[in-house]
Structures are given as C-alpha cells and as structure tokens.
Amino acid sequence: MPFPASQMIAVPAAAAPRKITRDRFEILRVEAEPSPHVIQHVLDIVARHGIFPFAIMVQHHALWQLIEAEIPELPESGARTLLRDLQRSANVRSATSLRPKRRAEMYRPRKF
C-alpha cells in the first residue's frame, strides 16, 4: 500500500561531483600505526569534511603504514582544519598535504 502524499518526503537528487583536472589534486599523506581500523578512521575524518578521495594508496610496514589519498585542492584554511583533525587522532603519527605546486616540485625528474 503506497504512502499518502502527506507522509512522503522529497529527497533532492545527489549532486554530481564536479570535474577536476589532474593539476588541481592535492595529495594527503598520513603516517599511522599499522592497525587495520586506521584506514577507515582516516577516511571517516576526511569524509566528515565533505571530501571524497579520487584514489587511495596504502603501504604497510612492520611499525607503521602510509596512507596517501588524492583529494581536490582545498583552501588553505580547510587544509589546516583537516590536518589538525587528523593529527588529533590517537593512531596517526603525522599528516601532511602536498599542494599541486609543491607536488610538482617534489616529483619532478632530476638530472644526474
């Protein structure tokens, strides 16, 4: 039996994610304890800021793990807030963000 119109709730359609060119990504790097729940915890913090990573890479080591996520470039204040929230987490050792310009400098091929 269908619900009467007075009890129905209109739900807006989900907004389509905006398109971002590759040079507008920033890389979020989080070094954390090697615990299986840390990845989910880090992604929960990122999602609470309304950010959805385009790609996630995890490297596991005996004493730590490195989580890298490609996210849209954030305003300076938004990046500071996100990093502060990540660093407050008990299992996170460090959190940094590589802005597009700094990322390009860091990964530029070097001449030997």
PDB file of N, CA and C in Angstrom:
ATOM      1  N   MET A   1       0.848  -1.178   0.000  1.00  0.00           N
ATOM      2  CA  MET A   1       0.000   0.000   0.000  1.00  0.00           C
ATOM      3  C   MET A   1       0.893   1.241   0.000  1.00  0.00           C
ATOM      4  N   PRO A   2       0.762   2.106  -0.978  1.00  0.00           N
ATOM      5  CA  PRO A   2       1.604   3.302  -1.048  1.00  0.00           C
ATOM      6  C   PRO A   2       1.273   4.284   0.072  1.00  0.00           C
ATOM      7  N   PHE A   3       2.283   5.085   0.415  1.00  0.00           N
ATOM      8  CA  PHE A   3       2.096   6.102   1.440  1.00  0.00           C
ATOM      9  C   PHE A   3       1.253   7.242   0.888  1.00  0.00           C
ATOM     10  N   PRO A   4       0.424   7.859   1.735  1.00  0.00           N
ATOM     11  CA  PRO A   4      -0.305   9.045   1.286  1.00  0.00           C
ATOM     12  C   PRO A   4       0.675  10.193   1.038  1.00  0.00           C
ATOM     13  N   ALA A   5       0.311  11.091   0.159  1.00  0.00           N
ATOM     14  CA  ALA A   5       1.180  12.208  -0.220  1.00  0.00           C
ATOM     15  C   ALA A   5       1.587  13.049   0.986  1.00  0.00           C
ATOM     16  N   SER A   6       0.752  13.135   2.003  1.00  0.00           N
ATOM     17  CA  SER A   6       1.075  13.953   3.174  1.00  0.00           C
ATOM     18  C   SER A   6       2.215  13.352   4.000  1.00  0.00           C
ATOM     19  N   GLN A   7       2.490  12.065   3.824  1.00  0.00           N
ATOM     20  CA  GLN A   7       3.552  11.414   4.592  1.00  0.00           C
ATOM     21  C   GLN A   7       4.827  11.198   3.774  1.00  0.00           C
ATOM     22  N   MET A   8       4.833  11.637   2.534  1.00  0.00           N
ATOM     23  CA  MET A   8       6.002  11.442   1.689  1.00  0.00           C
ATOM     24  C   MET A   8       7.001  12.575   1.908  1.00  0.00           C
ATOM     25  N   ILE A   9       8.252  12.244   1.769  1.00  0.00           N
ATOM     26  CA  ILE A   9       9.323  13.221   1.929  1.00  0.00           C
ATOM     27  C   ILE A   9      10.052  13.339   0.601  1.00  0.00           C
ATOM     28  N   ALA A  10      10.257  14.552   0.159  1.00  0.00           N
ATOM     29  CA  ALA A  10      11.005  14.774  -1.079  1.00  0.00           C
ATOM     30  C   ALA A  10      12.496  14.790  -0.748  1.00  0.00           C
ATOM     31  N   VAL A  11      13.241  13.966  -1.436  1.00  0.00           N
ATOM     32  CA  VAL A  11      14.686  13.898  -1.242  1.00  0.00           C
ATOM     33  C   VAL A  11      15.346  14.441  -2.501  1.00  0.00           C
ATOM     34  N   PRO A  12      16.189  15.472  -2.364  1.00  0.00           N
ATOM     35  CA  PRO A  12      16.839  16.022  -3.558  1.00  0.00           C
ATOM     36  C   PRO A  12      17.817  15.010  -4.154  1.00  0.00           C
ATOM     37  N   ALA A  13      17.964  15.081  -5.450  1.00  0.00           N
ATOM     38  CA  ALA A  13      18.912  14.196  -6.130  1.00  0.00           C
ATOM     39  C   ALA A  13      20.331  14.560  -5.705  1.00  0.00           C
ATOM     40  N   ALA A  14      21.184  13.564  -5.649  1.00  0.00           N
ATOM     41  CA  ALA A  14      22.575  13.803  -5.259  1.00  0.00           C
ATOM     42  C   ALA A  14      23.265  14.666  -6.310  1.00  0.00           C
ATOM     43  N   ALA A  15      24.047  15.593  -5.836  1.00  0.00           N
ATOM     44  CA  ALA A  15      24.775  16.469  -6.753  1.00  0.00           C
ATOM     45  C   ALA A  15      25.891  15.679  -7.426  1.00  0.00           C
ATOM     46  N   ALA A  16      26.060  15.912  -8.689  1.00  0.00           N
ATOM     47  CA  ALA A  16      27.139  15.243  -9.421  1.00  0.00           C
ATOM     48  C   ALA A  16      28.472  15.833  -8.971  1.00  0.00           C
ATOM     49  N   PRO A  17      29.476  14.983  -8.773  1.00  0.00           N
ATOM     50  CA  PRO A  17      30.773  15.534  -8.369  1.00  0.00           C
ATOM     51  C   PRO A  17      31.336  16.441  -9.451  1.00  0.00           C
ATOM     52  N   ARG A  18      31.957  17.540  -9.022  1.00  0.00           N
ATOM     53  CA  ARG A  18      32.499  18.468 -10.003  1.00  0.00           C
ATOM     54  C   ARG A  18      33.762  17.879 -10.617  1.00  0.00           C
ATOM     55  N   LYS A  19      33.979  18.207 -11.866  1.00  0.00           N
ATOM     56  CA  LYS A  19      35.159  17.695 -12.555  1.00  0.00           C
ATOM     57  C   LYS A  19      36.377  18.521 -12.156  1.00  0.00           C
ATOM     58  N   ILE A  20      37.479  17.820 -11.950  1.00  0.00           N
ATOM     59  CA  ILE A  20      38.711  18.468 -11.525  1.00  0.00           C
ATOM     60  C   ILE A  20      39.837  17.966 -12.410  1.00  0.00           C
ATOM     61  N   THR A  21      40.613  18.899 -12.927  1.00  0.00           N
ATOM     62  CA  THR A  21      41.749  18.492 -13.749  1.00  0.00           C
ATOM     63  C   THR A  21      42.850  17.932 -12.854  1.00  0.00           C
ATOM     64  N   ARG A  22      43.710  17.145 -13.439  1.00  0.00           N
ATOM     65  CA  ARG A  22      44.756  16.439 -12.698  1.00  0.00           C
ATOM     66  C   ARG A  22      45.677  17.395 -11.931  1.00  0.00           C
ATOM     67  N   ASP A  23      45.895  18.576 -12.462  1.00  0.00           N
ATOM     68  CA  ASP A  23      46.796  19.509 -11.784  1.00  0.00           C
ATOM     69  C   ASP A  23      46.139  20.212 -10.596  1.00  0.00           C
ATOM     70  N   ARG A  24      44.872  19.947 -10.326  1.00  0.00           N
ATOM     71  CA  ARG A  24      44.168  20.565  -9.198  1.00  0.00           C
ATOM     72  C   ARG A  24      44.012  19.602  -8.017  1.00  0.00           C
ATOM     73  N   PHE A  25      44.623  18.431  -8.103  1.00  0.00           N
ATOM     74  CA  PHE A  25      44.604  17.491  -6.984  1.00  0.00           C
ATOM     75  C   PHE A  25      45.649  17.891  -5.963  1.00  0.00           C
ATOM     76  N   GLU A  26      45.400  17.511  -4.743  1.00  0.00           N
ATOM     77  CA  GLU A  26      46.449  17.595  -3.741  1.00  0.00           C
ATOM     78  C   GLU A  26      46.533  16.218  -3.104  1.00  0.00           C
ATOM     79  N   ILE A  27      47.695  15.876  -2.616  1.00  0.00           N
ATOM     80  CA  ILE A  27      47.893  14.551  -2.039  1.00  0.00           C
ATOM     81  C   ILE A  27      47.940  14.678  -0.527  1.00  0.00           C
ATOM     82  N   LEU A  28      47.067  13.945   0.124  1.00  0.00           N
ATOM     83  CA  LEU A  28      47.017  13.899   1.577  1.00  0.00           C
ATOM     84  C   LEU A  28      47.841  12.692   2.015  1.00  0.00           C
ATOM     85  N   ARG A  29      48.873  12.922   2.828  1.00  0.00           N
ATOM     86  CA  ARG A  29      49.752  11.836   3.297  1.00  0.00           C
ATOM     87  C   ARG A  29      49.591  11.695   4.802  1.00  0.00           C
ATOM     88  N   VAL A  30      49.248  10.478   5.229  1.00  0.00           N
ATOM     89  CA  VAL A  30      49.048  10.204   6.646  1.00  0.00           C
ATOM     90  C   VAL A  30      49.920   9.016   7.033  1.00  0.00           C
ATOM     91  N   GLU A  31      50.783   9.214   8.017  1.00  0.00           N
ATOM     92  CA  GLU A  31      51.574   8.120   8.568  1.00  0.00           C
ATOM     93  C   GLU A  31      50.903   7.714   9.875  1.00  0.00           C
ATOM     94  N   ALA A  32      50.602   6.419  10.009  1.00  0.00           N
ATOM     95  CA  ALA A  32      49.839   5.956  11.159  1.00  0.00           C
ATOM     96  C   ALA A  32      50.364   4.618  11.661  1.00  0.00           C
ATOM     97  N   GLU A  33      49.856   4.210  12.804  1.00  0.00           N
ATOM     98  CA  GLU A  33      50.196   2.902  13.353  1.00  0.00           C
ATOM     99  C   GLU A  33      49.653   1.818  12.428  1.00  0.00           C
ATOM    100  N   PRO A  34      50.277   0.646  12.414  1.00  0.00           N
ATOM    101  CA  PRO A  34      49.833  -0.417  11.499  1.00  0.00           C
ATOM    102  C   PRO A  34      48.622  -1.179  12.030  1.00  0.00           C
ATOM    103  N   SER A  35      47.539  -0.488  12.223  1.00  0.00           N
ATOM    104  CA  SER A  35      46.316  -1.095  12.732  1.00  0.00           C
ATOM    105  C   SER A  35      45.290  -1.152  11.600  1.00  0.00           C
ATOM    106  N   PRO A  36      44.541  -2.250  11.481  1.00  0.00           N
ATOM    107  CA  PRO A  36      43.618  -2.381  10.348  1.00  0.00           C
ATOM    108  C   PRO A  36      42.475  -1.361  10.340  1.00  0.00           C
ATOM    109  N   HIS A  37      42.087  -0.847  11.492  1.00  0.00           N
ATOM    110  CA  HIS A  37      40.956   0.088  11.519  1.00  0.00           C
ATOM    111  C   HIS A  37      41.367   1.530  11.236  1.00  0.00           C
ATOM    112  N   VAL A  38      42.654   1.816  11.162  1.00  0.00           N
ATOM    113  CA  VAL A  38      43.120   3.195  10.981  1.00  0.00           C
ATOM    114  C   VAL A  38      42.705   3.755   9.625  1.00  0.00           C
ATOM    115  N   ILE A  39      42.759   2.940   8.582  1.00  0.00           N
ATOM    116  CA  ILE A  39      42.395   3.422   7.245  1.00  0.00           C
ATOM    117  C   ILE A  39      40.952   3.916   7.242  1.00  0.00           C
ATOM    118  N   GLN A  40      40.055   3.120   7.808  1.00  0.00           N
ATOM    119  CA  GLN A  40      38.644   3.528   7.865  1.00  0.00           C
ATOM    120  C   GLN A  40      38.480   4.793   8.701  1.00  0.00           C
ATOM    121  N   HIS A  41      39.208   4.884   9.803  1.00  0.00           N
ATOM    122  CA  HIS A  41      39.121   6.059  10.669  1.00  0.00           C
ATOM    123  C   HIS A  41      39.589   7.320   9.938  1.00  0.00           C
ATOM    124  N   VAL A  42      40.700   7.217   9.219  1.00  0.00           N
ATOM    125  CA  VAL A  42      41.221   8.358   8.457  1.00  0.00           C
ATOM    126  C   VAL A  42      40.218   8.775   7.387  1.00  0.00           C
ATOM    127  N   LEU A  43      39.668   7.803   6.657  1.00  0.00           N
ATOM    128  CA  LEU A  43      38.694   8.131   5.610  1.00  0.00           C
ATOM    129  C   LEU A  43      37.412   8.720   6.193  1.00  0.00           C
ATOM    130  N   ASP A  44      37.022   8.298   7.401  1.00  0.00           N
ATOM    131  CA  ASP A  44      35.856   8.894   8.064  1.00  0.00           C
ATOM    132  C   ASP A  44      36.104  10.370   8.373  1.00  0.00           C
ATOM    133  N   ILE A  45      37.291  10.692   8.864  1.00  0.00           N
ATOM    134  CA  ILE A  45      37.623  12.092   9.161  1.00  0.00           C
ATOM    135  C   ILE A  45      37.596  12.923   7.880  1.00  0.00           C
ATOM    136  N   VAL A  46      38.170  12.385   6.812  1.00  0.00           N
ATOM    137  CA  VAL A  46      38.184  13.090   5.526  1.00  0.00           C
ATOM    138  C   VAL A  46      36.749  13.303   5.032  1.00  0.00           C
ATOM    139  N   ALA A  47      35.903  12.281   5.138  1.00  0.00           N
ATOM    140  CA  ALA A  47      34.512  12.384   4.673  1.00  0.00           C
ATOM    141  C   ALA A  47      33.717  13.393   5.501  1.00  0.00           C
ATOM    142  N   ARG A  48      34.021  13.516   6.795  1.00  0.00           N
ATOM    143  CA  ARG A  48      33.321  14.500   7.630  1.00  0.00           C
ATOM    144  C   ARG A  48      33.578  15.927   7.162  1.00  0.00           C
ATOM    145  N   HIS A  49      34.663  16.132   6.454  1.00  0.00           N
ATOM    146  CA  HIS A  49      34.977  17.447   5.890  1.00  0.00           C
ATOM    147  C   HIS A  49      34.363  17.616   4.502  1.00  0.00           C
ATOM    148  N   GLY A  50      33.570  16.645   4.063  1.00  0.00           N
ATOM    149  CA  GLY A  50      32.918  16.734   2.758  1.00  0.00           C
ATOM    150  C   GLY A  50      33.854  16.447   1.603  1.00  0.00           C
ATOM    151  N   ILE A  51      34.924  15.726   1.865  1.00  0.00           N
ATOM    152  CA  ILE A  51      35.925  15.424   0.841  1.00  0.00           C
ATOM    153  C   ILE A  51      35.866  13.939   0.523  1.00  0.00           C
ATOM    154  N   PHE A  52      35.856  13.622  -0.759  1.00  0.00           N
ATOM    155  CA  PHE A  52      35.837  12.232  -1.184  1.00  0.00           C
ATOM    156  C   PHE A  52      37.061  11.980  -2.057  1.00  0.00           C
ATOM    157  N   PRO A  53      37.991  11.141  -1.594  1.00  0.00           N
ATOM    158  CA  PRO A  53      39.227  10.892  -2.343  1.00  0.00           C
ATOM    159  C   PRO A  53      38.958  10.264  -3.706  1.00  0.00           C
ATOM    160  N   PHE A  54      39.783  10.637  -4.675  1.00  0.00           N
ATOM    161  CA  PHE A  54      39.696  10.052  -6.012  1.00  0.00           C
ATOM    162  C   PHE A  54      40.489   8.759  -6.084  1.00  0.00           C
ATOM    163  N   ALA A  55      41.564   8.677  -5.325  1.00  0.00           N
ATOM    164  CA  ALA A  55      42.405   7.474  -5.302  1.00  0.00           C
ATOM    165  C   ALA A  55      43.027   7.358  -3.917  1.00  0.00           C
ATOM    166  N   ILE A  56      43.226   6.118  -3.482  1.00  0.00           N
ATOM    167  CA  ILE A  56      43.821   5.857  -2.172  1.00  0.00           C
ATOM    168  C   ILE A  56      44.919   4.817  -2.353  1.00  0.00           C
ATOM    169  N   MET A  57      46.062   5.059  -1.730  1.00  0.00           N
ATOM    170  CA  MET A  57      47.172   4.119  -1.782  1.00  0.00           C
ATOM    171  C   MET A  57      47.652   3.890  -0.353  1.00  0.00           C
ATOM    172  N   VAL A  58      47.868   2.627  -0.002  1.00  0.00           N
ATOM    173  CA  VAL A  58      48.323   2.289   1.346  1.00  0.00           C
ATOM    174  C   VAL A  58      49.575   1.431   1.246  1.00  0.00           C
ATOM    175  N   GLN A  59      50.593   1.797   2.003  1.00  0.00           N
ATOM    176  CA  GLN A  59      51.814   0.993   2.108  1.00  0.00           C
ATOM    177  C   GLN A  59      51.922   0.511   3.547  1.00  0.00           C
ATOM    178  N   HIS A  60      51.989  -0.797   3.714  1.00  0.00           N
ATOM    179  CA  HIS A  60      52.109  -1.378   5.054  1.00  0.00           C
ATOM    180  C   HIS A  60      53.567  -1.699   5.351  1.00  0.00           C
ATOM    181  N   HIS A  61      53.995  -1.364   6.561  1.00  0.00           N
ATOM    182  CA  HIS A  61      55.330  -1.692   7.045  1.00  0.00           C
ATOM    183  C   HIS A  61      55.164  -2.300   8.433  1.00  0.00           C
ATOM    184  N   ALA A  62      56.204  -2.860   8.970  1.00  0.00           N
ATOM    185  CA  ALA A  62      56.104  -3.535  10.267  1.00  0.00           C
ATOM    186  C   ALA A  62      55.695  -2.585  11.395  1.00  0.00           C
ATOM    187  N   LEU A  63      56.227  -1.379  11.402  1.00  0.00           N
ATOM    188  CA  LEU A  63      55.979  -0.458  12.515  1.00  0.00           C
ATOM    189  C   LEU A  63      55.021   0.676  12.190  1.00  0.00           C
ATOM    190  N   TRP A  64      54.656   0.853  10.935  1.00  0.00           N
ATOM    191  CA  TRP A  64      53.778   1.953  10.547  1.00  0.00           C
ATOM    192  C   TRP A  64      53.155   1.651   9.195  1.00  0.00           C
ATOM    193  N   GLN A  65      52.200   2.483   8.809  1.00  0.00           N
ATOM    194  CA  GLN A  65      51.623   2.407   7.466  1.00  0.00           C
ATOM    195  C   GLN A  65      51.459   3.819   6.930  1.00  0.00           C
ATOM    196  N   LEU A  66      51.597   3.936   5.632  1.00  0.00           N
ATOM    197  CA  LEU A  66      51.465   5.222   4.962  1.00  0.00           C
ATOM    198  C   LEU A  66      50.204   5.192   4.115  1.00  0.00           C
ATOM    199  N   ILE A  67      49.330   6.157   4.333  1.00  0.00           N
ATOM    200  CA  ILE A  67      48.089   6.276   3.574  1.00  0.00           C
ATOM    201  C   ILE A  67      48.195   7.554   2.751  1.00  0.00           C
ATOM    202  N   GLU A  68      48.058   7.434   1.434  1.00  0.00           N
ATOM    203  CA  GLU A  68      48.053   8.599   0.550  1.00  0.00           C
ATOM    204  C   GLU A  68      46.725   8.629  -0.187  1.00  0.00           C
ATOM    205  N   ALA A  69      46.100   9.792  -0.206  1.00  0.00           N
ATOM    206  CA  ALA A  69      44.821   9.951  -0.890  1.00  0.00           C
ATOM    207  C   ALA A  69      44.885  11.178  -1.790  1.00  0.00           C
ATOM    208  N   GLU A  70      44.428  11.023  -3.024  1.00  0.00           N
ATOM    209  CA  GLU A  70      44.309  12.170  -3.929  1.00  0.00           C
ATOM    210  C   GLU A  70      42.960  12.810  -3.666  1.00  0.00           C
ATOM    211  N   ILE A  71      42.993  14.076  -3.297  1.00  0.00           N
ATOM    212  CA  ILE A  71      41.765  14.802  -2.986  1.00  0.00           C
ATOM    213  C   ILE A  71      41.752  16.098  -3.782  1.00  0.00           C
ATOM    214  N   PRO A  72      40.569  16.718  -3.937  1.00  0.00           N
ATOM    215  CA  PRO A  72      40.528  18.018  -4.618  1.00  0.00           C
ATOM    216  C   PRO A  72      41.327  19.044  -3.816  1.00  0.00           C
ATOM    217  N   GLU A  73      41.904  20.000  -4.508  1.00  0.00           N
ATOM    218  CA  GLU A  73      42.670  21.050  -3.832  1.00  0.00           C
ATOM    219  C   GLU A  73      41.754  21.802  -2.872  1.00  0.00           C
ATOM    220  N   LEU A  74      42.229  22.008  -1.652  1.00  0.00           N
ATOM    221  CA  LEU A  74      41.441  22.666  -0.615  1.00  0.00           C
ATOM    222  C   LEU A  74      41.929  24.087  -0.396  1.00  0.00           C
ATOM    223  N   PRO A  75      41.041  24.971   0.081  1.00  0.00           N
ATOM    224  CA  PRO A  75      41.522  26.286   0.504  1.00  0.00           C
ATOM    225  C   PRO A  75      42.467  26.097   1.697  1.00  0.00           C
ATOM    226  N   GLU A  76      43.341  27.043   1.918  1.00  0.00           N
ATOM    227  CA  GLU A  76      44.356  26.918   2.974  1.00  0.00           C
ATOM    228  C   GLU A  76      43.733  26.631   4.338  1.00  0.00           C
ATOM    229  N   SER A  77      42.646  27.321   4.677  1.00  0.00           N
ATOM    230  CA  SER A  77      42.017  27.111   5.988  1.00  0.00           C
ATOM    231  C   SER A  77      41.401  25.718   6.086  1.00  0.00           C
ATOM    232  N   GLY A  78      40.815  25.236   5.000  1.00  0.00           N
ATOM    233  CA  GLY A  78      40.235  23.893   5.003  1.00  0.00           C
ATOM    234  C   GLY A  78      41.289  22.820   5.163  1.00  0.00           C
ATOM    235  N   ALA A  79      42.430  23.013   4.518  1.00  0.00           N
ATOM    236  CA  ALA A  79      43.532  22.049   4.634  1.00  0.00           C
ATOM    237  C   ALA A  79      44.074  22.029   6.061  1.00  0.00           C
ATOM    238  N   ARG A  80      44.223  23.206   6.665  1.00  0.00           N
ATOM    239  CA  ARG A  80      44.719  23.267   8.051  1.00  0.00           C
ATOM    240  C   ARG A  80      43.779  22.553   9.006  1.00  0.00           C
ATOM    241  N   THR A  81      42.477  22.769   8.836  1.00  0.00           N
ATOM    242  CA  THR A  81      41.492  22.136   9.707  1.00  0.00           C
ATOM    243  C   THR A  81      41.515  20.623   9.549  1.00  0.00           C
ATOM    244  N   LEU A  82      41.567  20.149   8.311  1.00  0.00           N
ATOM    245  CA  LEU A  82      41.611  18.709   8.059  1.00  0.00           C
ATOM    246  C   LEU A  82      42.864  18.090   8.674  1.00  0.00           C
ATOM    247  N   LEU A  83      44.015  18.700   8.465  1.00  0.00           N
ATOM    248  CA  LEU A  83      45.260  18.169   9.015  1.00  0.00           C
ATOM    249  C   LEU A  83      45.239  18.179  10.540  1.00  0.00           C
ATOM    250  N   ARG A  84      44.688  19.225  11.128  1.00  0.00           N
ATOM    251  CA  ARG A  84      44.591  19.292  12.591  1.00  0.00           C
ATOM    252  C   ARG A  84      43.723  18.157  13.124  1.00  0.00           C
ATOM    253  N   ASP A  85      42.584  17.907  12.474  1.00  0.00           N
ATOM    254  CA  ASP A  85      41.699  16.832  12.919  1.00  0.00           C
ATOM    255  C   ASP A  85      42.359  15.463  12.769  1.00  0.00           C
ATOM    256  N   LEU A  86      43.105  15.273  11.697  1.00  0.00           N
ATOM    257  CA  LEU A  86      43.805  14.002  11.508  1.00  0.00           C
ATOM    258  C   LEU A  86      44.898  13.821  12.559  1.00  0.00           C
ATOM    259  N   GLN A  87      45.634  14.879  12.860  1.00  0.00           N
ATOM    260  CA  GLN A  87      46.728  14.771  13.824  1.00  0.00           C
ATOM    261  C   GLN A  87      46.227  14.570  15.246  1.00  0.00           C
ATOM    262  N   ARG A  88      44.992  14.917  15.514  1.00  0.00           N
ATOM    263  CA  ARG A  88      44.409  14.687  16.838  1.00  0.00           C
ATOM    264  C   ARG A  88      44.083  13.216  17.071  1.00  0.00           C
ATOM    265  N   SER A  89      43.972  12.461  16.009  1.00  0.00           N
ATOM    266  CA  SER A  89      43.639  11.046  16.128  1.00  0.00           C
ATOM    267  C   SER A  89      44.776  10.310  16.836  1.00  0.00           C
ATOM    268  N   ALA A  90      44.431   9.405  17.737  1.00  0.00           N
ATOM    269  CA  ALA A  90      45.433   8.709  18.549  1.00  0.00           C
ATOM    270  C   ALA A  90      46.372   7.840  17.721  1.00  0.00           C
ATOM    271  N   ASN A  91      45.898   7.260  16.631  1.00  0.00           N
ATOM    272  CA  ASN A  91      46.709   6.329  15.848  1.00  0.00           C
ATOM    273  C   ASN A  91      47.517   6.996  14.742  1.00  0.00           C
ATOM    274  N   VAL A  92      47.312   8.283  14.522  1.00  0.00           N
ATOM    275  CA  VAL A  92      48.006   8.995  13.445  1.00  0.00           C
ATOM    276  C   VAL A  92      49.283   9.621  13.992  1.00  0.00           C
ATOM    277  N   ARG A  93      50.403   9.336  13.338  1.00  0.00           N
ATOM    278  CA  ARG A  93      51.690   9.905  13.753  1.00  0.00           C
ATOM    279  C   ARG A  93      51.930  11.258  13.104  1.00  0.00           C
ATOM    280  N   SER A  94      51.603  11.375  11.817  1.00  0.00           N
ATOM    281  CA  SER A  94      51.767  12.657  11.131  1.00  0.00           C
ATOM    282  C   SER A  94      50.801  12.725   9.959  1.00  0.00           C
ATOM    283  N   ALA A  95      50.450  13.939   9.592  1.00  0.00           N
ATOM    284  CA  ALA A  95      49.569  14.175   8.443  1.00  0.00           C
ATOM    285  C   ALA A  95      50.069  15.420   7.725  1.00  0.00           C
ATOM    286  N   THR A  96      50.263  15.302   6.419  1.00  0.00           N
ATOM    287  CA  THR A  96      50.713  16.432   5.616  1.00  0.00           C
ATOM    288  C   THR A  96      49.911  16.470   4.327  1.00  0.00           C
ATOM    289  N   SER A  97      49.947  17.608   3.690  1.00  0.00           N
ATOM    290  CA  SER A  97      49.246  17.780   2.428  1.00  0.00           C
ATOM    291  C   SER A  97      50.218  18.346   1.409  1.00  0.00           C
ATOM    292  N   LEU A  98      50.301  17.702   0.254  1.00  0.00           N
ATOM    293  CA  LEU A  98      51.151  18.193  -0.825  1.00  0.00           C
ATOM    294  C   LEU A  98      50.276  18.950  -1.805  1.00  0.00           C
ATOM    295  N   ARG A  99      50.413  20.256  -1.818  1.00  0.00           N
ATOM    296  CA  ARG A  99      49.656  21.101  -2.738  1.00  0.00           C
ATOM    297  C   ARG A  99      50.149  20.846  -4.154  1.00  0.00           C
ATOM    298  N   PRO A 100      49.362  21.177  -5.183  1.00  0.00           N
ATOM    299  CA  PRO A 100      49.778  20.894  -6.563  1.00  0.00           C
ATOM    300  C   PRO A 100      51.155  21.439  -6.929  1.00  0.00           C
ATOM    301  N   LYS A 101      51.480  22.674  -6.527  1.00  0.00           N
ATOM    302  CA  LYS A 101      52.781  23.241  -6.888  1.00  0.00           C
ATOM    303  C   LYS A 101      53.909  22.482  -6.190  1.00  0.00           C
ATOM    304  N   ARG A 102      53.740  22.224  -4.913  1.00  0.00           N
ATOM    305  CA  ARG A 102      54.772  21.514  -4.158  1.00  0.00           C
ATOM    306  C   ARG A 102      54.916  20.079  -4.652  1.00  0.00           C
ATOM    307  N   ARG A 103      53.792  19.459  -5.012  1.00  0.00           N
ATOM    308  CA  ARG A 103      53.828  18.089  -5.524  1.00  0.00           C
ATOM    309  C   ARG A 103      54.627  18.037  -6.818  1.00  0.00           C
ATOM    310  N   ALA A 104      54.417  19.024  -7.691  1.00  0.00           N
ATOM    311  CA  ALA A 104      55.141  19.056  -8.962  1.00  0.00           C
ATOM    312  C   ALA A 104      56.638  19.210  -8.720  1.00  0.00           C
ATOM    313  N   GLU A 105      57.007  20.031  -7.745  1.00  0.00           N
ATOM    314  CA  GLU A 105      58.422  20.200  -7.432  1.00  0.00           C
ATOM    315  C   GLU A 105      59.015  18.925  -6.846  1.00  0.00           C
ATOM    316  N   MET A 106      58.240  18.246  -6.032  1.00  0.00           N
ATOM    317  CA  MET A 106      58.739  17.056  -5.355  1.00  0.00           C
ATOM    318  C   MET A 106      58.951  15.891  -6.319  1.00  0.00           C
ATOM    319  N   TYR A 107      58.065  15.747  -7.289  1.00  0.00           N
ATOM    320  CA  TYR A 107      58.121  14.607  -8.193  1.00  0.00           C
ATOM    321  C   TYR A 107      58.728  14.938  -9.555  1.00  0.00           C
ATOM    322  N   ARG A 108      59.359  16.111  -9.676  1.00  0.00           N
ATOM    323  CA  ARG A 108      59.980  16.486 -10.943  1.00  0.00           C
ATOM    324  C   ARG A 108      61.218  15.616 -11.169  1.00  0.00           C
ATOM    325  N   PRO A 109      61.402  15.093 -12.381  1.00  0.00           N
ATOM    326  CA  PRO A 109      62.595  14.285 -12.650  1.00  0.00           C
ATOM    327  C   PRO A 109      63.859  15.116 -12.454  1.00  0.00           C
ATOM    328  N   ARG A 110      64.853  14.505 -11.869  1.00  0.00           N
ATOM    329  CA  ARG A 110      66.113  15.205 -11.623  1.00  0.00           C
ATOM    330  C   ARG A 110      67.153  14.755 -12.625  1.00  0.00           C
ATOM    331  N   LYS A 111      68.019  15.687 -12.989  1.00  0.00           N
ATOM    332  CA  LYS A 111      69.128  15.362 -13.889  1.00  0.00           C
ATOM    333  C   LYS A 111      70.318  14.933 -13.045  1.00  0.00           C
ATOM    334  N   PHE A 112      70.974  13.891 -13.485  1.00  0.00           N
ATOM    335  CA  PHE A 112      72.157  13.394 -12.771  1.00  0.00           C
ATOM    336  C   PHE A 112      73.397  13.633 -13.578  1.00  0.00           C
TER     337      PHE A 112
END
